[in-house]
PDB file of all heavy atoms in Angstrom:
ATOM      1  N   ASN A   1    -128.140  18.163-164.399  1.00  0.00           N
ATOM      2  CA  ASN A   1    -127.978  18.467-162.984  1.00  0.00           C
ATOM      3  C   ASN A   1    -128.474  17.300-162.151  1.00  0.00           C
ATOM      4  O   ASN A   1    -129.372  16.574-162.557  1.00  0.00           O
ATOM      5  CB  ASN A   1    -128.750  19.731-162.611  1.00  0.00           C
ATOM      6  CG  ASN A   1    -128.089  20.967-163.177  1.00  0.00           C
ATOM      7  OD1 ASN A   1    -126.872  21.026-163.313  1.00  0.00           O
ATOM      8  ND2 ASN A   1    -128.896  21.948-163.514  1.00  0.00           N
ATOM      9  N   GLY A   2    -127.891  17.143-160.978  1.00  0.00           N
ATOM     10  CA  GLY A   2    -128.302  16.086-160.074  1.00  0.00           C
ATOM     11  C   GLY A   2    -127.148  15.625-159.218  1.00  0.00           C
ATOM     12  O   GLY A   2    -126.092  16.257-159.161  1.00  0.00           O
ATOM     13  N   ASP A   3    -127.367  14.527-158.559  1.00  0.00           N
ATOM     14  CA  ASP A   3    -126.350  13.924-157.703  1.00  0.00           C
ATOM     15  C   ASP A   3    -125.312  13.255-158.597  1.00  0.00           C
ATOM     16  O   ASP A   3    -125.643  12.332-159.339  1.00  0.00           O
ATOM     17  CB  ASP A   3    -127.011  12.898-156.786  1.00  0.00           C
ATOM     18  CG  ASP A   3    -126.031  12.212-155.850  1.00  0.00           C
ATOM     19  OD1 ASP A   3    -124.818  12.491-155.907  1.00  0.00           O
ATOM     20  OD2 ASP A   3    -126.499  11.383-155.045  1.00  0.00           O
ATOM     21  N   PRO A   4    -124.055  13.695-158.535  1.00  0.00           N
ATOM     22  CA  PRO A   4    -123.052  13.103-159.424  1.00  0.00           C
ATOM     23  C   PRO A   4    -122.903  11.590-159.247  1.00  0.00           C
ATOM     24  O   PRO A   4    -122.630  10.884-160.209  1.00  0.00           O
ATOM     25  CB  PRO A   4    -121.761  13.836-159.075  1.00  0.00           C
ATOM     26  CG  PRO A   4    -122.062  14.758-157.982  1.00  0.00           C
ATOM     27  CD  PRO A   4    -123.520  14.749-157.710  1.00  0.00           C
ATOM     28  N   GLU A   5    -123.121  11.115-158.046  1.00  0.00           N
ATOM     29  CA  GLU A   5    -123.009   9.673-157.811  1.00  0.00           C
ATOM     30  C   GLU A   5    -124.066   8.891-158.578  1.00  0.00           C
ATOM     31  O   GLU A   5    -123.887   7.715-158.858  1.00  0.00           O
ATOM     32  CB  GLU A   5    -123.100   9.371-156.318  1.00  0.00           C
ATOM     33  CG  GLU A   5    -121.915   9.898-155.539  1.00  0.00           C
ATOM     34  CD  GLU A   5    -122.064   9.725-154.040  1.00  0.00           C
ATOM     35  OE1 GLU A   5    -123.099   9.191-153.586  1.00  0.00           O
ATOM     36  OE2 GLU A   5    -121.147  10.137-153.328  1.00  0.00           O
ATOM     37  N   GLN A   6    -125.166   9.560-158.932  1.00  0.00           N
ATOM     38  CA  GLN A   6    -126.240   8.922-159.691  1.00  0.00           C
ATOM     39  C   GLN A   6    -126.067   9.108-161.199  1.00  0.00           C
ATOM     40  O   GLN A   6    -126.845   8.565-161.973  1.00  0.00           O
ATOM     41  CB  GLN A   6    -127.599   9.490-159.259  1.00  0.00           C
ATOM     42  CG  GLN A   6    -127.886   9.318-157.789  1.00  0.00           C
ATOM     43  CD  GLN A   6    -127.962   7.862-157.382  1.00  0.00           C
ATOM     44  OE1 GLN A   6    -128.562   7.053-158.083  1.00  0.00           O
ATOM     45  NE2 GLN A   6    -127.352   7.531-156.268  1.00  0.00           N
ATOM     46  N   LEU A   7    -125.079   9.886-161.590  1.00  0.00           N
ATOM     47  CA  LEU A   7    -124.888  10.210-163.010  1.00  0.00           C
ATOM     48  C   LEU A   7    -123.613   9.599-163.589  1.00  0.00           C
ATOM     49  O   LEU A   7    -123.077  10.091-164.578  1.00  0.00           O
ATOM     50  CB  LEU A   7    -124.860  11.735-163.190  1.00  0.00           C
ATOM     51  CG  LEU A   7    -126.159  12.453-162.828  1.00  0.00           C
ATOM     52  CD1 LEU A   7    -125.956  13.955-162.829  1.00  0.00           C
ATOM     53  CD2 LEU A   7    -127.254  12.048-163.788  1.00  0.00           C
ATOM     54  N   LEU A   8    -123.134   8.544-162.995  1.00  0.00           N
ATOM     55  CA  LEU A   8    -121.881   7.937-163.458  1.00  0.00           C
ATOM     56  C   LEU A   8    -121.997   7.423-164.882  1.00  0.00           C
ATOM     57  O   LEU A   8    -121.063   7.587-165.679  1.00  0.00           O
ATOM     58  CB  LEU A   8    -121.442   6.830-162.502  1.00  0.00           C
ATOM     59  CG  LEU A   8    -121.060   7.298-161.099  1.00  0.00           C
ATOM     60  CD1 LEU A   8    -120.770   6.100-160.203  1.00  0.00           C
ATOM     61  CD2 LEU A   8    -119.865   8.235-161.147  1.00  0.00           C
ATOM     62  N   ASP A   9    -123.111   6.804-165.231  1.00  0.00           N
ATOM     63  CA  ASP A   9    -123.289   6.301-166.602  1.00  0.00           C
ATOM     64  C   ASP A   9    -123.227   7.446-167.605  1.00  0.00           C
ATOM     65  O   ASP A   9    -122.537   7.360-168.622  1.00  0.00           O
ATOM     66  CB  ASP A   9    -124.626   5.563-166.750  1.00  0.00           C
ATOM     67  CG  ASP A   9    -124.650   4.228-166.040  1.00  0.00           C
ATOM     68  OD1 ASP A   9    -123.563   3.634-165.854  1.00  0.00           O
ATOM     69  OD2 ASP A   9    -125.744   3.776-165.663  1.00  0.00           O
ATOM     70  N   ALA A  10    -123.948   8.522-167.310  1.00  0.00           N
ATOM     71  CA  ALA A  10    -123.976   9.672-168.220  1.00  0.00           C
ATOM     72  C   ALA A  10    -122.593  10.299-168.340  1.00  0.00           C
ATOM     73  O   ALA A  10    -122.171  10.691-169.433  1.00  0.00           O
ATOM     74  CB  ALA A  10    -124.988  10.709-167.732  1.00  0.00           C
ATOM     75  N   ALA A  11    -121.879  10.393-167.225  1.00  0.00           N
ATOM     76  CA  ALA A  11    -120.541  10.992-167.249  1.00  0.00           C
ATOM     77  C   ALA A  11    -119.572  10.133-168.046  1.00  0.00           C
ATOM     78  O   ALA A  11    -118.728  10.646-168.789  1.00  0.00           O
ATOM     79  CB  ALA A  11    -120.029  11.187-165.825  1.00  0.00           C
ATOM     80  N   LEU A  12    -119.709   8.834-167.936  1.00  0.00           N
ATOM     81  CA  LEU A  12    -118.856   7.921-168.695  1.00  0.00           C
ATOM     82  C   LEU A  12    -119.166   8.039-170.185  1.00  0.00           C
ATOM     83  O   LEU A  12    -118.252   8.160-171.016  1.00  0.00           O
ATOM     84  CB  LEU A  12    -119.059   6.487-168.206  1.00  0.00           C
ATOM     85  CG  LEU A  12    -118.128   5.422-168.745  1.00  0.00           C
ATOM     86  CD1 LEU A  12    -116.684   5.721-168.381  1.00  0.00           C
ATOM     87  CD2 LEU A  12    -118.523   4.058-168.215  1.00  0.00           C
ATOM     88  N   GLU A  13    -120.432   8.054-170.535  1.00  0.00           N
ATOM     89  CA  GLU A  13    -120.836   8.174-171.939  1.00  0.00           C
ATOM     90  C   GLU A  13    -120.422   9.510-172.548  1.00  0.00           C
ATOM     91  O   GLU A  13    -120.076   9.576-173.724  1.00  0.00           O
ATOM     92  CB  GLU A  13    -122.345   7.992-172.068  1.00  0.00           C
ATOM     93  CG  GLU A  13    -122.809   6.569-171.821  1.00  0.00           C
ATOM     94  CD  GLU A  13    -124.325   6.452-171.797  1.00  0.00           C
ATOM     95  OE1 GLU A  13    -125.013   7.366-172.288  1.00  0.00           O
ATOM     96  OE2 GLU A  13    -124.805   5.436-171.265  1.00  0.00           O
ATOM     97  N   ALA A  14    -120.443  10.570-171.734  1.00  0.00           N
ATOM     98  CA  ALA A  14    -120.074  11.899-172.227  1.00  0.00           C
ATOM     99  C   ALA A  14    -118.565  12.107-172.271  1.00  0.00           C
ATOM    100  O   ALA A  14    -118.092  13.130-172.757  1.00  0.00           O
ATOM    101  CB  ALA A  14    -120.714  12.973-171.349  1.00  0.00           C
ATOM    102  N   GLY A  15    -117.821  11.142-171.749  1.00  0.00           N
ATOM    103  CA  GLY A  15    -116.365  11.263-171.747  1.00  0.00           C
ATOM    104  C   GLY A  15    -115.830  12.177-170.653  1.00  0.00           C
ATOM    105  O   GLY A  15    -114.664  12.556-170.678  1.00  0.00           O
ATOM    106  N   VAL A  16    -116.670  12.482-169.676  1.00  0.00           N
ATOM    107  CA  VAL A  16    -116.243  13.338-168.570  1.00  0.00           C
ATOM    108  C   VAL A  16    -115.341  12.546-167.624  1.00  0.00           C
ATOM    109  O   VAL A  16    -114.400  13.091-167.055  1.00  0.00           O
ATOM    110  CB  VAL A  16    -117.464  13.913-167.818  1.00  0.00           C
ATOM    111  CG1 VAL A  16    -117.046  14.696-166.587  1.00  0.00           C
ATOM    112  CG2 VAL A  16    -118.290  14.785-168.761  1.00  0.00           C
ATOM    113  N   ILE A  17    -115.643  11.266-167.458  1.00  0.00           N
ATOM    114  CA  ILE A  17    -114.824  10.378-166.625  1.00  0.00           C
ATOM    115  C   ILE A  17    -114.519   9.116-167.416  1.00  0.00           C
ATOM    116  O   ILE A  17    -115.174   8.825-168.421  1.00  0.00           O
ATOM    117  CB  ILE A  17    -115.533  10.016-165.297  1.00  0.00           C
ATOM    118  CG1 ILE A  17    -116.812   9.207-165.541  1.00  0.00           C
ATOM    119  CG2 ILE A  17    -115.793  11.265-164.463  1.00  0.00           C
ATOM    120  CD1 ILE A  17    -117.445   8.653-164.277  1.00  0.00           C
ATOM    121  N   ASP A  18    -113.538   8.363-166.923  1.00  0.00           N
ATOM    122  CA  ASP A  18    -113.239   7.078-167.555  1.00  0.00           C
ATOM    123  C   ASP A  18    -113.673   5.941-166.619  1.00  0.00           C
ATOM    124  O   ASP A  18    -114.163   6.186-165.516  1.00  0.00           O
ATOM    125  CB  ASP A  18    -111.762   6.980-167.942  1.00  0.00           C
ATOM    126  CG  ASP A  18    -110.796   7.029-166.763  1.00  0.00           C
ATOM    127  OD1 ASP A  18    -111.171   6.619-165.641  1.00  0.00           O
ATOM    128  OD2 ASP A  18    -109.648   7.475-166.968  1.00  0.00           O
ATOM    129  N   ALA A  19    -113.487   4.720-167.066  1.00  0.00           N
ATOM    130  CA  ALA A  19    -113.955   3.554-166.309  1.00  0.00           C
ATOM    131  C   ALA A  19    -113.263   3.443-164.956  1.00  0.00           C
ATOM    132  O   ALA A  19    -113.900   3.067-163.958  1.00  0.00           O
ATOM    133  CB  ALA A  19    -113.740   2.284-167.121  1.00  0.00           C
ATOM    134  N   ASP A  20    -111.986   3.766-164.878  1.00  0.00           N
ATOM    135  CA  ASP A  20    -111.273   3.697-163.594  1.00  0.00           C
ATOM    136  C   ASP A  20    -111.814   4.727-162.613  1.00  0.00           C
ATOM    137  O   ASP A  20    -111.945   4.455-161.412  1.00  0.00           O
ATOM    138  CB  ASP A  20    -109.770   3.908-163.796  1.00  0.00           C
ATOM    139  CG  ASP A  20    -109.101   2.741-164.503  1.00  0.00           C
ATOM    140  OD1 ASP A  20    -109.658   1.615-164.472  1.00  0.00           O
ATOM    141  OD2 ASP A  20    -108.017   2.952-165.076  1.00  0.00           O
ATOM    142  N   GLU A  21    -112.135   5.911-163.116  1.00  0.00           N
ATOM    143  CA  GLU A  21    -112.680   6.952-162.249  1.00  0.00           C
ATOM    144  C   GLU A  21    -114.079   6.579-161.768  1.00  0.00           C
ATOM    145  O   GLU A  21    -114.433   6.807-160.614  1.00  0.00           O
ATOM    146  CB  GLU A  21    -112.695   8.292-162.981  1.00  0.00           C
ATOM    147  CG  GLU A  21    -111.295   8.830-163.224  1.00  0.00           C
ATOM    148  CD  GLU A  21    -111.243  10.000-164.173  1.00  0.00           C
ATOM    149  OE1 GLU A  21    -112.066  10.041-165.128  1.00  0.00           O
ATOM    150  OE2 GLU A  21    -110.389  10.867-163.966  1.00  0.00           O
ATOM    151  N   ARG A  22    -114.842   5.977-162.660  1.00  0.00           N
ATOM    152  CA  ARG A  22    -116.166   5.496-162.258  1.00  0.00           C
ATOM    153  C   ARG A  22    -116.027   4.462-161.148  1.00  0.00           C
ATOM    154  O   ARG A  22    -116.749   4.508-160.151  1.00  0.00           O
ATOM    155  CB  ARG A  22    -116.893   4.886-163.451  1.00  0.00           C
ATOM    156  CG  ARG A  22    -118.232   4.303-163.062  1.00  0.00           C
ATOM    157  CD  ARG A  22    -118.787   3.395-164.148  1.00  0.00           C
ATOM    158  NE  ARG A  22    -119.973   2.751-163.651  1.00  0.00           N
ATOM    159  CZ  ARG A  22    -121.158   2.849-164.200  1.00  0.00           C
ATOM    160  NH1 ARG A  22    -121.324   3.546-165.291  1.00  0.00           N
ATOM    161  NH2 ARG A  22    -122.181   2.245-163.663  1.00  0.00           N
ATOM    162  N   ALA A  23    -115.090   3.547-161.303  1.00  0.00           N
ATOM    163  CA  ALA A  23    -114.868   2.516-160.286  1.00  0.00           C
ATOM    164  C   ALA A  23    -114.440   3.136-158.957  1.00  0.00           C
ATOM    165  O   ALA A  23    -114.848   2.665-157.887  1.00  0.00           O
ATOM    166  CB  ALA A  23    -113.818   1.519-160.774  1.00  0.00           C
ATOM    167  N   ALA A  24    -113.652   4.197-159.001  1.00  0.00           N
ATOM    168  CA  ALA A  24    -113.214   4.867-157.773  1.00  0.00           C
ATOM    169  C   ALA A  24    -114.399   5.483-157.043  1.00  0.00           C
ATOM    170  O   ALA A  24    -114.506   5.381-155.810  1.00  0.00           O
ATOM    171  CB  ALA A  24    -112.173   5.935-158.097  1.00  0.00           C
ATOM    172  N   VAL A  25    -115.309   6.108-157.779  1.00  0.00           N
ATOM    173  CA  VAL A  25    -116.492   6.702-157.149  1.00  0.00           C
ATOM    174  C   VAL A  25    -117.385   5.598-156.592  1.00  0.00           C
ATOM    175  O   VAL A  25    -117.887   5.703-155.466  1.00  0.00           O
ATOM    176  CB  VAL A  25    -117.266   7.597-158.143  1.00  0.00           C
ATOM    177  CG1 VAL A  25    -118.598   8.046-157.544  1.00  0.00           C
ATOM    178  CG2 VAL A  25    -116.428   8.798-158.543  1.00  0.00           C
ATOM    179  N   GLU A  26    -117.587   4.539-157.345  1.00  0.00           N
ATOM    180  CA  GLU A  26    -118.419   3.436-156.863  1.00  0.00           C
ATOM    181  C   GLU A  26    -117.829   2.814-155.606  1.00  0.00           C
ATOM    182  O   GLU A  26    -118.559   2.463-154.676  1.00  0.00           O
ATOM    183  CB  GLU A  26    -118.603   2.391-157.956  1.00  0.00           C
ATOM    184  CG  GLU A  26    -119.499   2.860-159.084  1.00  0.00           C
ATOM    185  CD  GLU A  26    -119.577   1.887-160.241  1.00  0.00           C
ATOM    186  OE1 GLU A  26    -118.605   1.128-160.465  1.00  0.00           O
ATOM    187  OE2 GLU A  26    -120.604   1.902-160.936  1.00  0.00           O
ATOM    188  N   ALA A  27    -116.503   2.676-155.547  1.00  0.00           N
ATOM    189  CA  ALA A  27    -115.846   2.128-154.363  1.00  0.00           C
ATOM    190  C   ALA A  27    -116.040   3.051-153.163  1.00  0.00           C
ATOM    191  O   ALA A  27    -116.273   2.586-152.043  1.00  0.00           O
ATOM    192  CB  ALA A  27    -114.364   1.911-154.639  1.00  0.00           C
ATOM    193  N   ALA A  28    -115.956   4.357-153.388  1.00  0.00           N
ATOM    194  CA  ALA A  28    -116.152   5.320-152.300  1.00  0.00           C
ATOM    195  C   ALA A  28    -117.585   5.263-151.773  1.00  0.00           C
ATOM    196  O   ALA A  28    -117.806   5.285-150.559  1.00  0.00           O
ATOM    197  CB  ALA A  28    -115.815   6.728-152.779  1.00  0.00           C
ATOM    198  N   VAL A  29    -118.539   5.170-152.677  1.00  0.00           N
ATOM    199  CA  VAL A  29    -119.945   5.095-152.272  1.00  0.00           C
ATOM    200  C   VAL A  29    -120.187   3.821-151.464  1.00  0.00           C
ATOM    201  O   VAL A  29    -120.825   3.850-150.405  1.00  0.00           O
ATOM    202  CB  VAL A  29    -120.872   5.154-153.505  1.00  0.00           C
ATOM    203  CG1 VAL A  29    -122.308   4.814-153.135  1.00  0.00           C
ATOM    204  CG2 VAL A  29    -120.793   6.527-154.156  1.00  0.00           C
ATOM    205  N   ALA A  30    -119.666   2.701-151.927  1.00  0.00           N
ATOM    206  CA  ALA A  30    -119.851   1.428-151.228  1.00  0.00           C
ATOM    207  C   ALA A  30    -119.196   1.462-149.850  1.00  0.00           C
ATOM    208  O   ALA A  30    -119.781   0.985-148.866  1.00  0.00           O
ATOM    209  CB  ALA A  30    -119.288   0.281-152.064  1.00  0.00           C
ATOM    210  N   ALA A  31    -118.003   2.026-149.761  1.00  0.00           N
ATOM    211  CA  ALA A  31    -117.308   2.104-148.478  1.00  0.00           C
ATOM    212  C   ALA A  31    -118.066   3.004-147.507  1.00  0.00           C
ATOM    213  O   ALA A  31    -118.190   2.695-146.320  1.00  0.00           O
ATOM    214  CB  ALA A  31    -115.880   2.607-148.680  1.00  0.00           C
ATOM    215  N   ARG A  32    -118.584   4.125-148.005  1.00  0.00           N
ATOM    216  CA  ARG A  32    -119.360   5.031-147.150  1.00  0.00           C
ATOM    217  C   ARG A  32    -120.604   4.326-146.629  1.00  0.00           C
ATOM    218  O   ARG A  32    -120.938   4.408-145.449  1.00  0.00           O
ATOM    219  CB  ARG A  32    -119.743   6.284-147.924  1.00  0.00           C
ATOM    220  CG  ARG A  32    -120.521   7.285-147.061  1.00  0.00           C
ATOM    221  CD  ARG A  32    -120.961   8.505-147.829  1.00  0.00           C
ATOM    222  NE  ARG A  32    -121.957   8.137-148.815  1.00  0.00           N
ATOM    223  CZ  ARG A  32    -121.946   8.534-150.085  1.00  0.00           C
ATOM    224  NH1 ARG A  32    -120.988   9.325-150.539  1.00  0.00           N
ATOM    225  NH2 ARG A  32    -122.891   8.164-150.912  1.00  0.00           N
ATOM    226  N   ARG A  33    -121.297   3.620-147.501  1.00  0.00           N
ATOM    227  CA  ARG A  33    -122.508   2.903-147.073  1.00  0.00           C
ATOM    228  C   ARG A  33    -122.176   1.854-146.012  1.00  0.00           C
ATOM    229  O   ARG A  33    -122.941   1.661-145.071  1.00  0.00           O
ATOM    230  CB  ARG A  33    -123.189   2.256-148.270  1.00  0.00           C
ATOM    231  CG  ARG A  33    -123.892   3.261-149.134  1.00  0.00           C
ATOM    232  CD  ARG A  33    -124.647   2.605-150.263  1.00  0.00           C
ATOM    233  NE  ARG A  33    -125.316   3.620-151.057  1.00  0.00           N
ATOM    234  CZ  ARG A  33    -125.510   3.532-152.342  1.00  0.00           C
ATOM    235  NH1 ARG A  33    -125.125   2.461-153.003  1.00  0.00           N
ATOM    236  NH2 ARG A  33    -126.106   4.507-152.995  1.00  0.00           N
ATOM    237  N   GLU A  34    -121.067   1.193-146.184  1.00  0.00           N
ATOM    238  CA  GLU A  34    -120.646   0.175-145.214  1.00  0.00           C
ATOM    239  C   GLU A  34    -120.389   0.813-143.849  1.00  0.00           C
ATOM    240  O   GLU A  34    -120.755   0.264-142.816  1.00  0.00           O
ATOM    241  CB  GLU A  34    -119.398  -0.548-145.712  1.00  0.00           C
ATOM    242  CG  GLU A  34    -118.845  -1.569-144.761  1.00  0.00           C
ATOM    243  CD  GLU A  34    -119.753  -2.755-144.496  1.00  0.00           C
ATOM    244  OE1 GLU A  34    -120.553  -3.116-145.382  1.00  0.00           O
ATOM    245  OE2 GLU A  34    -119.667  -3.326-143.389  1.00  0.00           O
ATOM    246  N   VAL A  35    -119.769   1.973-143.837  1.00  0.00           N
ATOM    247  CA  VAL A  35    -119.426   2.645-142.584  1.00  0.00           C
ATOM    248  C   VAL A  35    -120.679   3.136-141.861  1.00  0.00           C
ATOM    249  O   VAL A  35    -120.754   3.067-140.638  1.00  0.00           O
ATOM    250  CB  VAL A  35    -118.459   3.822-142.839  1.00  0.00           C
ATOM    251  CG1 VAL A  35    -118.319   4.714-141.635  1.00  0.00           C
ATOM    252  CG2 VAL A  35    -117.098   3.297-143.245  1.00  0.00           C
ATOM    253  N   ILE A  36    -121.652   3.633-142.597  1.00  0.00           N
ATOM    254  CA  ILE A  36    -122.835   4.177-141.932  1.00  0.00           C
ATOM    255  C   ILE A  36    -123.932   3.145-141.727  1.00  0.00           C
ATOM    256  O   ILE A  36    -124.970   3.456-141.147  1.00  0.00           O
ATOM    257  CB  ILE A  36    -123.399   5.409-142.684  1.00  0.00           C
ATOM    258  CG1 ILE A  36    -123.880   5.030-144.079  1.00  0.00           C
ATOM    259  CG2 ILE A  36    -122.391   6.513-142.730  1.00  0.00           C
ATOM    260  CD1 ILE A  36    -124.592   6.162-144.804  1.00  0.00           C
ATOM    261  N   GLN A  37    -123.692   1.930-142.172  1.00  0.00           N
ATOM    262  CA  GLN A  37    -124.665   0.855-142.003  1.00  0.00           C
ATOM    263  C   GLN A  37    -124.929   0.645-140.514  1.00  0.00           C
ATOM    264  O   GLN A  37    -124.007   0.566-139.725  1.00  0.00           O
ATOM    265  CB  GLN A  37    -124.138  -0.439-142.627  1.00  0.00           C
ATOM    266  CG  GLN A  37    -125.098  -1.575-142.618  1.00  0.00           C
ATOM    267  CD  GLN A  37    -126.289  -1.320-143.510  1.00  0.00           C
ATOM    268  OE1 GLN A  37    -126.176  -0.723-144.550  1.00  0.00           O
ATOM    269  NE2 GLN A  37    -127.433  -1.759-143.098  1.00  0.00           N
ATOM    270  N   VAL A  38    -126.171   0.577-140.149  1.00  0.00           N
ATOM    271  CA  VAL A  38    -126.541   0.350-138.757  1.00  0.00           C
ATOM    272  C   VAL A  38    -127.396  -0.895-138.658  1.00  0.00           C
ATOM    273  O   VAL A  38    -127.986  -1.345-139.640  1.00  0.00           O
ATOM    274  CB  VAL A  38    -127.298   1.557-138.153  1.00  0.00           C
ATOM    275  CG1 VAL A  38    -126.413   2.783-138.114  1.00  0.00           C
ATOM    276  CG2 VAL A  38    -128.553   1.849-138.937  1.00  0.00           C
ATOM    277  N   ASP A  39    -127.464  -1.435-137.463  1.00  0.00           N
ATOM    278  CA  ASP A  39    -128.330  -2.577-137.240  1.00  0.00           C
ATOM    279  C   ASP A  39    -129.778  -2.137-137.387  1.00  0.00           C
ATOM    280  O   ASP A  39    -130.146  -1.022-137.045  1.00  0.00           O
ATOM    281  CB  ASP A  39    -128.122  -3.150-135.841  1.00  0.00           C
ATOM    282  CG  ASP A  39    -126.749  -3.775-135.681  1.00  0.00           C
ATOM    283  OD1 ASP A  39    -126.192  -4.230-136.689  1.00  0.00           O
ATOM    284  OD2 ASP A  39    -126.238  -3.798-134.554  1.00  0.00           O
ATOM    285  N   GLU A  40    -130.590  -3.024-137.905  1.00  0.00           N
ATOM    286  CA  GLU A  40    -132.001  -2.713-138.086  1.00  0.00           C
ATOM    287  C   GLU A  40    -132.806  -3.669-137.220  1.00  0.00           C
ATOM    288  O   GLU A  40    -132.583  -4.882-137.239  1.00  0.00           O
ATOM    289  CB  GLU A  40    -132.387  -2.883-139.552  1.00  0.00           C
ATOM    290  CG  GLU A  40    -133.800  -2.475-139.835  1.00  0.00           C
ATOM    291  CD  GLU A  40    -134.115  -2.575-141.308  1.00  0.00           C
ATOM    292  OE1 GLU A  40    -133.209  -2.508-142.144  1.00  0.00           O
ATOM    293  OE2 GLU A  40    -135.312  -2.732-141.628  1.00  0.00           O
ATOM    294  N   PHE A  41    -133.695  -3.097-136.463  1.00  0.00           N
ATOM    295  CA  PHE A  41    -134.537  -3.898-135.584  1.00  0.00           C
ATOM    296  C   PHE A  41    -135.991  -3.560-135.853  1.00  0.00           C
ATOM    297  O   PHE A  41    -136.326  -2.399-136.088  1.00  0.00           O
ATOM    298  CB  PHE A  41    -134.226  -3.596-134.108  1.00  0.00           C
ATOM    299  CG  PHE A  41    -132.821  -3.906-133.718  1.00  0.00           C
ATOM    300  CD1 PHE A  41    -131.868  -2.898-133.661  1.00  0.00           C
ATOM    301  CD2 PHE A  41    -132.436  -5.197-133.405  1.00  0.00           C
ATOM    302  CE1 PHE A  41    -130.566  -3.175-133.302  1.00  0.00           C
ATOM    303  CE2 PHE A  41    -131.134  -5.478-133.042  1.00  0.00           C
ATOM    304  CZ  PHE A  41    -130.194  -4.469-132.990  1.00  0.00           C
ATOM    305  N   PRO A  42    -136.867  -4.551-135.787  1.00  0.00           N
ATOM    306  CA  PRO A  42    -138.296  -4.244-135.917  1.00  0.00           C
ATOM    307  C   PRO A  42    -138.745  -3.450-134.688  1.00  0.00           C
ATOM    308  O   PRO A  42    -138.161  -3.593-133.605  1.00  0.00           O
ATOM    309  CB  PRO A  42    -138.962  -5.621-135.976  1.00  0.00           C
ATOM    310  CG  PRO A  42    -137.986  -6.555-135.367  1.00  0.00           C
ATOM    311  CD  PRO A  42    -136.624  -5.975-135.605  1.00  0.00           C
ATOM    312  N   PRO A  43    -139.760  -2.614-134.815  1.00  0.00           N
ATOM    313  CA  PRO A  43    -140.211  -1.788-133.682  1.00  0.00           C
ATOM    314  C   PRO A  43    -140.522  -2.601-132.423  1.00  0.00           C
ATOM    315  O   PRO A  43    -140.266  -2.146-131.308  1.00  0.00           O
ATOM    316  CB  PRO A  43    -141.467  -1.093-134.209  1.00  0.00           C
ATOM    317  CG  PRO A  43    -141.313  -1.101-135.689  1.00  0.00           C
ATOM    318  CD  PRO A  43    -140.525  -2.340-136.019  1.00  0.00           C
ATOM    319  N   GLU A  44    -141.036  -3.815-132.597  1.00  0.00           N
ATOM    320  CA  GLU A  44    -141.375  -4.634-131.427  1.00  0.00           C
ATOM    321  C   GLU A  44    -140.137  -4.959-130.586  1.00  0.00           C
ATOM    322  O   GLU A  44    -140.219  -5.088-129.372  1.00  0.00           O
ATOM    323  CB  GLU A  44    -142.020  -5.970-131.842  1.00  0.00           C
ATOM    324  CG  GLU A  44    -143.175  -5.877-132.790  1.00  0.00           C
ATOM    325  CD  GLU A  44    -142.753  -5.704-134.243  1.00  0.00           C
ATOM    326  OE1 GLU A  44    -141.976  -6.495-134.775  1.00  0.00           O
ATOM    327  OE2 GLU A  44    -143.241  -4.729-134.825  1.00  0.00           O
ATOM    328  N   ALA A  45    -139.014  -5.082-131.214  1.00  0.00           N
ATOM    329  CA  ALA A  45    -137.794  -5.434-130.481  1.00  0.00           C
ATOM    330  C   ALA A  45    -137.314  -4.283-129.611  1.00  0.00           C
ATOM    331  O   ALA A  45    -136.533  -4.496-128.683  1.00  0.00           O
ATOM    332  CB  ALA A  45    -136.693  -5.841-131.470  1.00  0.00           C
TER     333      ALA A  45
END
């Protein structure tokens, strides 16, 4: 049990997903992170 995005290695080893499916999930995670990325400023700024 856990976050499926964190269990890609286990799912690949167990034969639940294949390498292309793993790549699709990784691409989705990366794209989501890019979209929600915000500027970071130190508190003083």
